[in-house]
Amino acid sequence: KSGAIYFSVTVLSTVGFGDIVPRSDFARLVVSA
């Protein structure tokens, strides 16, 4: 849950550190959305 909060904040803020990345096509689509 903490990791998902962290990832959500990095996506929202457009920082994208790269330590957590979507690996599947489905996850990439959800994150892109």
Full PDB file with SEQRES, HELIX, SHEET, SSBOND, CRYST1, ORIGX, SCALE, CONECT and MASTER records, all heavy atoms in Angstrom:
SEQRES   1 A   33  LYS SER GLY ALA ILE TYR PHE SER VAL THR VAL LEU SER          
SEQRES   2 A   33  THR VAL GLY PHE GLY ASP ILE VAL PRO ARG SER ASP PHE          
SEQRES   3 A   33  ALA ARG LEU VAL VAL SER ALA                                  
HELIX    1 AA1 SER A    2  LEU A   12  1                                  11    
HELIX    2 AA2 ASP A   25  SER A   32  1                                   8    
CRYST1    1.000    1.000    1.000  90.00  90.00  90.00 P 1           1          
ORIGX1      1.000000  0.000000  0.000000        0.00000                         
ORIGX2      0.000000  1.000000  0.000000        0.00000                         
ORIGX3      0.000000  0.000000  1.000000        0.00000                         
SCALE1      1.000000  0.000000  0.000000        0.00000                         
SCALE2      0.000000  1.000000  0.000000        0.00000                         
SCALE3      0.000000  0.000000  1.000000        0.00000                         
ATOM      1  N   LYS A   1       0.829  -1.207   0.000  1.00  0.00           N  
ATOM      2  CA  LYS A   1       0.000   0.000   0.000  1.00  0.00           C  
ATOM      3  C   LYS A   1       0.867   1.262   0.000  1.00  0.00           C  
ATOM      4  O   LYS A   1       0.577   2.220  -0.706  1.00  0.00           O  
ATOM      5  CB  LYS A   1      -0.965  -0.010   1.175  1.00  0.00           C  
ATOM      6  CG  LYS A   1      -2.094  -0.997   0.981  1.00  0.00           C  
ATOM      7  CD  LYS A   1      -3.108  -0.892   2.095  1.00  0.00           C  
ATOM      8  CE  LYS A   1      -4.260  -1.848   1.812  1.00  0.00           C  
ATOM      9  NZ  LYS A   1      -5.320  -1.721   2.799  1.00  0.00           N  
ATOM     10  N   SER A   2       1.934   1.241   0.779  1.00  0.00           N  
ATOM     11  CA  SER A   2       2.842   2.393   0.801  1.00  0.00           C  
ATOM     12  C   SER A   2       3.530   2.563  -0.545  1.00  0.00           C  
ATOM     13  O   SER A   2       3.683   3.682  -1.043  1.00  0.00           O  
ATOM     14  CB  SER A   2       3.887   2.232   1.903  1.00  0.00           C  
ATOM     15  OG  SER A   2       3.266   2.202   3.158  1.00  0.00           O  
ATOM     16  N   GLY A   3       3.963   1.464  -1.130  1.00  0.00           N  
ATOM     17  CA  GLY A   3       4.603   1.515  -2.441  1.00  0.00           C  
ATOM     18  C   GLY A   3       3.666   2.041  -3.520  1.00  0.00           C  
ATOM     19  O   GLY A   3       4.081   2.787  -4.412  1.00  0.00           O  
ATOM     20  N   ALA A   4       2.385   1.673  -3.425  1.00  0.00           N  
ATOM     21  CA  ALA A   4       1.409   2.156  -4.407  1.00  0.00           C  
ATOM     22  C   ALA A   4       1.155   3.655  -4.246  1.00  0.00           C  
ATOM     23  O   ALA A   4       1.006   4.374  -5.241  1.00  0.00           O  
ATOM     24  CB  ALA A   4       0.110   1.372  -4.282  1.00  0.00           C  
ATOM     25  N   ILE A   5       1.140   4.129  -2.999  1.00  0.00           N  
ATOM     26  CA  ILE A   5       1.010   5.583  -2.763  1.00  0.00           C  
ATOM     27  C   ILE A   5       2.206   6.305  -3.381  1.00  0.00           C  
ATOM     28  O   ILE A   5       2.050   7.295  -4.097  1.00  0.00           O  
ATOM     29  CB  ILE A   5       0.905   5.904  -1.250  1.00  0.00           C  
ATOM     30  CG1 ILE A   5      -0.437   5.457  -0.687  1.00  0.00           C  
ATOM     31  CG2 ILE A   5       1.161   7.378  -0.968  1.00  0.00           C  
ATOM     32  CD1 ILE A   5      -1.614   6.346  -1.005  1.00  0.00           C  
ATOM     33  N   TYR A   6       3.384   5.810  -3.089  1.00  0.00           N  
ATOM     34  CA  TYR A   6       4.615   6.406  -3.626  1.00  0.00           C  
ATOM     35  C   TYR A   6       4.571   6.433  -5.151  1.00  0.00           C  
ATOM     36  O   TYR A   6       4.851   7.462  -5.775  1.00  0.00           O  
ATOM     37  CB  TYR A   6       5.809   5.600  -3.114  1.00  0.00           C  
ATOM     38  CG  TYR A   6       7.103   5.890  -3.814  1.00  0.00           C  
ATOM     39  CD1 TYR A   6       7.840   7.028  -3.515  1.00  0.00           C  
ATOM     40  CD2 TYR A   6       7.609   5.015  -4.776  1.00  0.00           C  
ATOM     41  CE1 TYR A   6       9.030   7.292  -4.158  1.00  0.00           C  
ATOM     42  CE2 TYR A   6       8.789   5.270  -5.423  1.00  0.00           C  
ATOM     43  CZ  TYR A   6       9.501   6.408  -5.114  1.00  0.00           C  
ATOM     44  OH  TYR A   6      10.677   6.672  -5.764  1.00  0.00           O  
ATOM     45  N   PHE A   7       4.199   5.308  -5.767  1.00  0.00           N  
ATOM     46  CA  PHE A   7       4.157   5.238  -7.223  1.00  0.00           C  
ATOM     47  C   PHE A   7       3.103   6.196  -7.771  1.00  0.00           C  
ATOM     48  O   PHE A   7       3.344   6.898  -8.764  1.00  0.00           O  
ATOM     49  CB  PHE A   7       3.885   3.799  -7.680  1.00  0.00           C  
ATOM     50  CG  PHE A   7       3.868   3.641  -9.169  1.00  0.00           C  
ATOM     51  CD1 PHE A   7       5.008   3.859  -9.922  1.00  0.00           C  
ATOM     52  CD2 PHE A   7       2.704   3.284  -9.830  1.00  0.00           C  
ATOM     53  CE1 PHE A   7       4.997   3.716 -11.298  1.00  0.00           C  
ATOM     54  CE2 PHE A   7       2.676   3.134 -11.198  1.00  0.00           C  
ATOM     55  CZ  PHE A   7       3.832   3.351 -11.935  1.00  0.00           C  
ATOM     56  N   SER A   8       1.960   6.264  -7.131  1.00  0.00           N  
ATOM     57  CA  SER A   8       0.897   7.165  -7.570  1.00  0.00           C  
ATOM     58  C   SER A   8       1.343   8.628  -7.523  1.00  0.00           C  
ATOM     59  O   SER A   8       1.066   9.399  -8.439  1.00  0.00           O  
ATOM     60  CB  SER A   8      -0.339   6.956  -6.696  1.00  0.00           C  
ATOM     61  OG  SER A   8      -1.367   7.812  -7.083  1.00  0.00           O  
ATOM     62  N   VAL A   9       2.047   8.992  -6.471  1.00  0.00           N  
ATOM     63  CA  VAL A   9       2.540  10.370  -6.348  1.00  0.00           C  
ATOM     64  C   VAL A   9       3.578  10.668  -7.420  1.00  0.00           C  
ATOM     65  O   VAL A   9       3.571  11.745  -8.028  1.00  0.00           O  
ATOM     66  CB  VAL A   9       3.108  10.636  -4.938  1.00  0.00           C  
ATOM     67  CG1 VAL A   9       3.849  11.961  -4.874  1.00  0.00           C  
ATOM     68  CG2 VAL A   9       1.992  10.597  -3.905  1.00  0.00           C  
ATOM     69  N   THR A  10       4.463   9.715  -7.705  1.00  0.00           N  
ATOM     70  CA  THR A  10       5.472   9.971  -8.747  1.00  0.00           C  
ATOM     71  C   THR A  10       4.829  10.089 -10.123  1.00  0.00           C  
ATOM     72  O   THR A  10       5.273  10.889 -10.945  1.00  0.00           O  
ATOM     73  CB  THR A  10       6.577   8.886  -8.780  1.00  0.00           C  
ATOM     74  OG1 THR A  10       5.994   7.622  -9.066  1.00  0.00           O  
ATOM     75  CG2 THR A  10       7.355   8.853  -7.492  1.00  0.00           C  
ATOM     76  N   VAL A  11       3.764   9.333 -10.373  1.00  0.00           N  
ATOM     77  CA  VAL A  11       3.061   9.454 -11.650  1.00  0.00           C  
ATOM     78  C   VAL A  11       2.304  10.776 -11.706  1.00  0.00           C  
ATOM     79  O   VAL A  11       2.371  11.494 -12.704  1.00  0.00           O  
ATOM     80  CB  VAL A  11       2.106   8.253 -11.876  1.00  0.00           C  
ATOM     81  CG1 VAL A  11       1.225   8.478 -13.095  1.00  0.00           C  
ATOM     82  CG2 VAL A  11       2.897   6.961 -12.039  1.00  0.00           C  
ATOM     83  N   LEU A  12       1.596  11.117 -10.635  1.00  0.00           N  
ATOM     84  CA  LEU A  12       0.839  12.366 -10.596  1.00  0.00           C  
ATOM     85  C   LEU A  12       1.743  13.578 -10.768  1.00  0.00           C  
ATOM     86  O   LEU A  12       1.427  14.514 -11.493  1.00  0.00           O  
ATOM     87  CB  LEU A  12       0.070  12.471  -9.278  1.00  0.00           C  
ATOM     88  CG  LEU A  12      -0.723  13.761  -9.058  1.00  0.00           C  
ATOM     89  CD1 LEU A  12      -1.879  13.860 -10.032  1.00  0.00           C  
ATOM     90  CD2 LEU A  12      -1.237  13.828  -7.638  1.00  0.00           C  
ATOM     91  N   SER A  13       2.886  13.545 -10.129  1.00  0.00           N  
ATOM     92  CA  SER A  13       3.797  14.686 -10.190  1.00  0.00           C  
ATOM     93  C   SER A  13       4.691  14.658 -11.427  1.00  0.00           C  
ATOM     94  O   SER A  13       5.478  15.580 -11.619  1.00  0.00           O  
ATOM     95  CB  SER A  13       4.670  14.731  -8.935  1.00  0.00           C  
ATOM     96  OG  SER A  13       5.519  13.602  -8.895  1.00  0.00           O  
ATOM     97  N   THR A  14       4.593  13.640 -12.217  1.00  0.00           N  
ATOM     98  CA  THR A  14       5.390  13.418 -13.440  1.00  0.00           C  
ATOM     99  C   THR A  14       6.889  13.306 -13.167  1.00  0.00           C  
ATOM    100  O   THR A  14       7.700  13.550 -14.052  1.00  0.00           O  
ATOM    101  CB  THR A  14       5.131  14.495 -14.519  1.00  0.00           C  
ATOM    102  OG1 THR A  14       5.660  15.751 -14.101  1.00  0.00           O  
ATOM    103  CG2 THR A  14       3.666  14.604 -14.875  1.00  0.00           C  
ATOM    104  N   VAL A  15       7.247  12.933 -11.958  1.00  0.00           N  
ATOM    105  CA  VAL A  15       8.665  12.781 -11.618  1.00  0.00           C  
ATOM    106  C   VAL A  15       9.215  11.500 -12.237  1.00  0.00           C  
ATOM    107  O   VAL A  15      10.232  11.515 -12.910  1.00  0.00           O  
ATOM    108  CB  VAL A  15       8.879  12.787 -10.089  1.00  0.00           C  
ATOM    109  CG1 VAL A  15      10.309  12.429  -9.732  1.00  0.00           C  
ATOM    110  CG2 VAL A  15       8.512  14.135  -9.523  1.00  0.00           C  
ATOM    111  N   GLY A  16       8.547  10.382 -11.988  1.00  0.00           N  
ATOM    112  CA  GLY A  16       8.946   9.111 -12.572  1.00  0.00           C  
ATOM    113  C   GLY A  16      10.390   8.732 -12.296  1.00  0.00           C  
ATOM    114  O   GLY A  16      11.216   8.715 -13.188  1.00  0.00           O  
ATOM    115  N   PHE A  17      10.723   8.390 -11.065  1.00  0.00           N  
ATOM    116  CA  PHE A  17      12.088   8.046 -10.704  1.00  0.00           C  
ATOM    117  C   PHE A  17      12.596   6.805 -11.435  1.00  0.00           C  
ATOM    118  O   PHE A  17      13.781   6.634 -11.620  1.00  0.00           O  
ATOM    119  CB  PHE A  17      12.209   7.830  -9.190  1.00  0.00           C  
ATOM    120  CG  PHE A  17      12.036   9.083  -8.397  1.00  0.00           C  
ATOM    121  CD1 PHE A  17      10.999   9.212  -7.490  1.00  0.00           C  
ATOM    122  CD2 PHE A  17      12.917  10.146  -8.539  1.00  0.00           C  
ATOM    123  CE1 PHE A  17      10.834  10.360  -6.747  1.00  0.00           C  
ATOM    124  CE2 PHE A  17      12.766  11.308  -7.802  1.00  0.00           C  
ATOM    125  CZ  PHE A  17      11.719  11.415  -6.906  1.00  0.00           C  
ATOM    126  N   GLY A  18      11.711   5.904 -11.780  1.00  0.00           N  
ATOM    127  CA  GLY A  18      12.117   4.693 -12.482  1.00  0.00           C  
ATOM    128  C   GLY A  18      12.385   3.507 -11.587  1.00  0.00           C  
ATOM    129  O   GLY A  18      12.733   2.437 -12.067  1.00  0.00           O  
ATOM    130  N   ASP A  19      12.243   3.668 -10.273  1.00  0.00           N  
ATOM    131  CA  ASP A  19      12.471   2.546  -9.371  1.00  0.00           C  
ATOM    132  C   ASP A  19      11.298   1.570  -9.392  1.00  0.00           C  
ATOM    133  O   ASP A  19      11.479   0.373  -9.217  1.00  0.00           O  
ATOM    134  CB  ASP A  19      12.772   3.019  -7.948  1.00  0.00           C  
ATOM    135  CG  ASP A  19      11.742   3.989  -7.413  1.00  0.00           C  
ATOM    136  OD1 ASP A  19      10.956   4.540  -8.203  1.00  0.00           O  
ATOM    137  OD2 ASP A  19      11.726   4.208  -6.191  1.00  0.00           O  
ATOM    138  N   ILE A  20      10.102   2.069  -9.632  1.00  0.00           N  
ATOM    139  CA  ILE A  20       8.928   1.215  -9.837  1.00  0.00           C  
ATOM    140  C   ILE A  20       8.396   1.564 -11.217  1.00  0.00           C  
ATOM    141  O   ILE A  20       8.121   2.735 -11.507  1.00  0.00           O  
ATOM    142  CB  ILE A  20       7.838   1.473  -8.775  1.00  0.00           C  
ATOM    143  CG1 ILE A  20       8.363   1.206  -7.369  1.00  0.00           C  
ATOM    144  CG2 ILE A  20       6.606   0.613  -9.054  1.00  0.00           C  
ATOM    145  CD1 ILE A  20       7.405   1.605  -6.260  1.00  0.00           C  
ATOM    146  N   VAL A  21       8.263   0.552 -12.048  1.00  0.00           N  
ATOM    147  CA  VAL A  21       7.779   0.787 -13.409  1.00  0.00           C  
ATOM    148  C   VAL A  21       6.738  -0.276 -13.766  1.00  0.00           C  
ATOM    149  O   VAL A  21       6.802  -1.404 -13.282  1.00  0.00           O  
ATOM    150  CB  VAL A  21       8.919   0.773 -14.442  1.00  0.00           C  
ATOM    151  CG1 VAL A  21       9.883   1.915 -14.211  1.00  0.00           C  
ATOM    152  CG2 VAL A  21       9.665  -0.546 -14.421  1.00  0.00           C  
ATOM    153  N   PRO A  22       5.792   0.087 -14.621  1.00  0.00           N  
ATOM    154  CA  PRO A  22       4.844  -0.919 -15.091  1.00  0.00           C  
ATOM    155  C   PRO A  22       5.567  -1.872 -16.048  1.00  0.00           C  
ATOM    156  O   PRO A  22       6.341  -1.440 -16.901  1.00  0.00           O  
ATOM    157  CB  PRO A  22       3.771  -0.098 -15.808  1.00  0.00           C  
ATOM    158  CG  PRO A  22       4.432   1.184 -16.167  1.00  0.00           C  
ATOM    159  CD  PRO A  22       5.509   1.411 -15.163  1.00  0.00           C  
ATOM    160  N   ARG A  23       5.342  -3.179 -15.893  1.00  0.00           N  
ATOM    161  CA  ARG A  23       6.020  -4.178 -16.717  1.00  0.00           C  
ATOM    162  C   ARG A  23       5.110  -4.812 -17.766  1.00  0.00           C  
ATOM    163  O   ARG A  23       5.559  -5.156 -18.832  1.00  0.00           O  
ATOM    164  CB  ARG A  23       6.618  -5.286 -15.842  1.00  0.00           C  
ATOM    165  CG  ARG A  23       7.752  -4.827 -14.975  1.00  0.00           C  
ATOM    166  CD  ARG A  23       9.028  -4.788 -15.756  1.00  0.00           C  
ATOM    167  NE  ARG A  23      10.132  -4.520 -14.853  1.00  0.00           N  
ATOM    168  CZ  ARG A  23      11.164  -3.789 -15.182  1.00  0.00           C  
ATOM    169  NH1 ARG A  23      11.267  -3.261 -16.367  1.00  0.00           N  
ATOM    170  NH2 ARG A  23      12.133  -3.580 -14.313  1.00  0.00           N  
ATOM    171  N   SER A  24       3.845  -4.981 -17.425  1.00  0.00           N  
ATOM    172  CA  SER A  24       2.934  -5.614 -18.379  1.00  0.00           C  
ATOM    173  C   SER A  24       2.285  -4.535 -19.246  1.00  0.00           C  
ATOM    174  O   SER A  24       2.228  -3.355 -18.875  1.00  0.00           O  
ATOM    175  CB  SER A  24       1.866  -6.413 -17.639  1.00  0.00           C  
ATOM    176  OG  SER A  24       0.991  -5.542 -16.949  1.00  0.00           O  
ATOM    177  N   ASP A  25       1.791  -4.957 -20.400  1.00  0.00           N  
ATOM    178  CA  ASP A  25       1.094  -4.012 -21.269  1.00  0.00           C  
ATOM    179  C   ASP A  25      -0.128  -3.427 -20.570  1.00  0.00           C  
ATOM    180  O   ASP A  25      -0.408  -2.237 -20.686  1.00  0.00           O  
ATOM    181  CB  ASP A  25       0.676  -4.695 -22.571  1.00  0.00           C  
ATOM    182  CG  ASP A  25       1.856  -4.945 -23.504  1.00  0.00           C  
ATOM    183  OD1 ASP A  25       2.905  -4.280 -23.326  1.00  0.00           O  
ATOM    184  OD2 ASP A  25       1.728  -5.791 -24.400  1.00  0.00           O  
ATOM    185  N   PHE A  26      -0.840  -4.271 -19.827  1.00  0.00           N  
ATOM    186  CA  PHE A  26      -2.016  -3.807 -19.098  1.00  0.00           C  
ATOM    187  C   PHE A  26      -1.631  -2.720 -18.099  1.00  0.00           C  
ATOM    188  O   PHE A  26      -2.280  -1.657 -18.032  1.00  0.00           O  
ATOM    189  CB  PHE A  26      -2.707  -4.979 -18.388  1.00  0.00           C  
ATOM    190  CG  PHE A  26      -3.883  -4.569 -17.568  1.00  0.00           C  
ATOM    191  CD1 PHE A  26      -5.041  -4.084 -18.167  1.00  0.00           C  
ATOM    192  CD2 PHE A  26      -3.847  -4.649 -16.178  1.00  0.00           C  
ATOM    193  CE1 PHE A  26      -6.139  -3.694 -17.405  1.00  0.00           C  
ATOM    194  CE2 PHE A  26      -4.933  -4.264 -15.416  1.00  0.00           C  
ATOM    195  CZ  PHE A  26      -6.079  -3.782 -16.024  1.00  0.00           C  
ATOM    196  N   ALA A  27      -0.598  -2.950 -17.326  1.00  0.00           N  
ATOM    197  CA  ALA A  27      -0.159  -1.959 -16.337  1.00  0.00           C  
ATOM    198  C   ALA A  27       0.308  -0.685 -17.026  1.00  0.00           C  
ATOM    199  O   ALA A  27       0.027   0.423 -16.545  1.00  0.00           O  
ATOM    200  CB  ALA A  27       0.953  -2.530 -15.459  1.00  0.00           C  
ATOM    201  N   ARG A  28       1.004  -0.802 -18.139  1.00  0.00           N  
ATOM    202  CA  ARG A  28       1.451   0.391 -18.872  1.00  0.00           C  
ATOM    203  C   ARG A  28       0.254   1.195 -19.374  1.00  0.00           C  
ATOM    204  O   ARG A  28       0.284   2.430 -19.353  1.00  0.00           O  
ATOM    205  CB  ARG A  28       2.345  -0.026 -20.034  1.00  0.00           C  
ATOM    206  CG  ARG A  28       3.702  -0.497 -19.592  1.00  0.00           C  
ATOM    207  CD  ARG A  28       4.578  -0.883 -20.772  1.00  0.00           C  
ATOM    208  NE  ARG A  28       5.860  -1.366 -20.295  1.00  0.00           N  
ATOM    209  CZ  ARG A  28       6.402  -2.511 -20.653  1.00  0.00           C  
ATOM    210  NH1 ARG A  28       5.791  -3.301 -21.534  1.00  0.00           N  
ATOM    211  NH2 ARG A  28       7.568  -2.870 -20.160  1.00  0.00           N  
ATOM    212  N   LEU A  29      -0.779   0.491 -19.822  1.00  0.00           N  
ATOM    213  CA  LEU A  29      -1.983   1.192 -20.276  1.00  0.00           C  
ATOM    214  C   LEU A  29      -2.679   1.911 -19.119  1.00  0.00           C  
ATOM    215  O   LEU A  29      -3.118   3.053 -19.270  1.00  0.00           O  
ATOM    216  CB  LEU A  29      -2.950   0.217 -20.950  1.00  0.00           C  
ATOM    217  CG  LEU A  29      -2.527  -0.291 -22.321  1.00  0.00           C  
ATOM    218  CD1 LEU A  29      -3.466  -1.385 -22.799  1.00  0.00           C  
ATOM    219  CD2 LEU A  29      -2.469   0.854 -23.320  1.00  0.00           C  
ATOM    220  N   VAL A  30      -2.771   1.247 -17.978  1.00  0.00           N  
ATOM    221  CA  VAL A  30      -3.422   1.864 -16.814  1.00  0.00           C  
ATOM    222  C   VAL A  30      -2.623   3.081 -16.349  1.00  0.00           C  
ATOM    223  O   VAL A  30      -3.193   4.143 -16.066  1.00  0.00           O  
ATOM    224  CB  VAL A  30      -3.608   0.836 -15.673  1.00  0.00           C  
ATOM    225  CG1 VAL A  30      -4.091   1.512 -14.393  1.00  0.00           C  
ATOM    226  CG2 VAL A  30      -4.579  -0.254 -16.088  1.00  0.00           C  
ATOM    227  N   VAL A  31      -1.314   2.954 -16.278  1.00  0.00           N  
ATOM    228  CA  VAL A  31      -0.474   4.088 -15.848  1.00  0.00           C  
ATOM    229  C   VAL A  31      -0.545   5.219 -16.872  1.00  0.00           C  
ATOM    230  O   VAL A  31      -0.648   6.393 -16.500  1.00  0.00           O  
ATOM    231  CB  VAL A  31       0.978   3.625 -15.604  1.00  0.00           C  
ATOM    232  CG1 VAL A  31       1.888   4.816 -15.361  1.00  0.00           C  
ATOM    233  CG2 VAL A  31       1.042   2.664 -14.430  1.00  0.00           C  
ATOM    234  N   SER A  32      -0.522   4.884 -18.150  1.00  0.00           N  
ATOM    235  CA  SER A  32      -0.655   5.916 -19.191  1.00  0.00           C  
ATOM    236  C   SER A  32      -1.992   6.617 -19.088  1.00  0.00           C  
ATOM    237  O   SER A  32      -2.075   7.849 -19.230  1.00  0.00           O  
ATOM    238  CB  SER A  32      -0.514   5.292 -20.585  1.00  0.00           C  
ATOM    239  OG  SER A  32       0.775   4.772 -20.765  1.00  0.00           O  
ATOM    240  N   ALA A  33      -3.031   5.834 -18.834  1.00  0.00           N  
ATOM    241  CA  ALA A  33      -4.358   6.433 -18.658  1.00  0.00           C  
ATOM    242  C   ALA A  33      -4.365   7.370 -17.455  1.00  0.00           C  
ATOM    243  O   ALA A  33      -4.958   8.455 -17.513  1.00  0.00           O  
ATOM    244  CB  ALA A  33      -5.410   5.341 -18.501  1.00  0.00           C  
TER     245      ALA A  33                                                      
MASTER        0    0    0    2    0    0    0    6  244    1    0    3          
END                                                                             
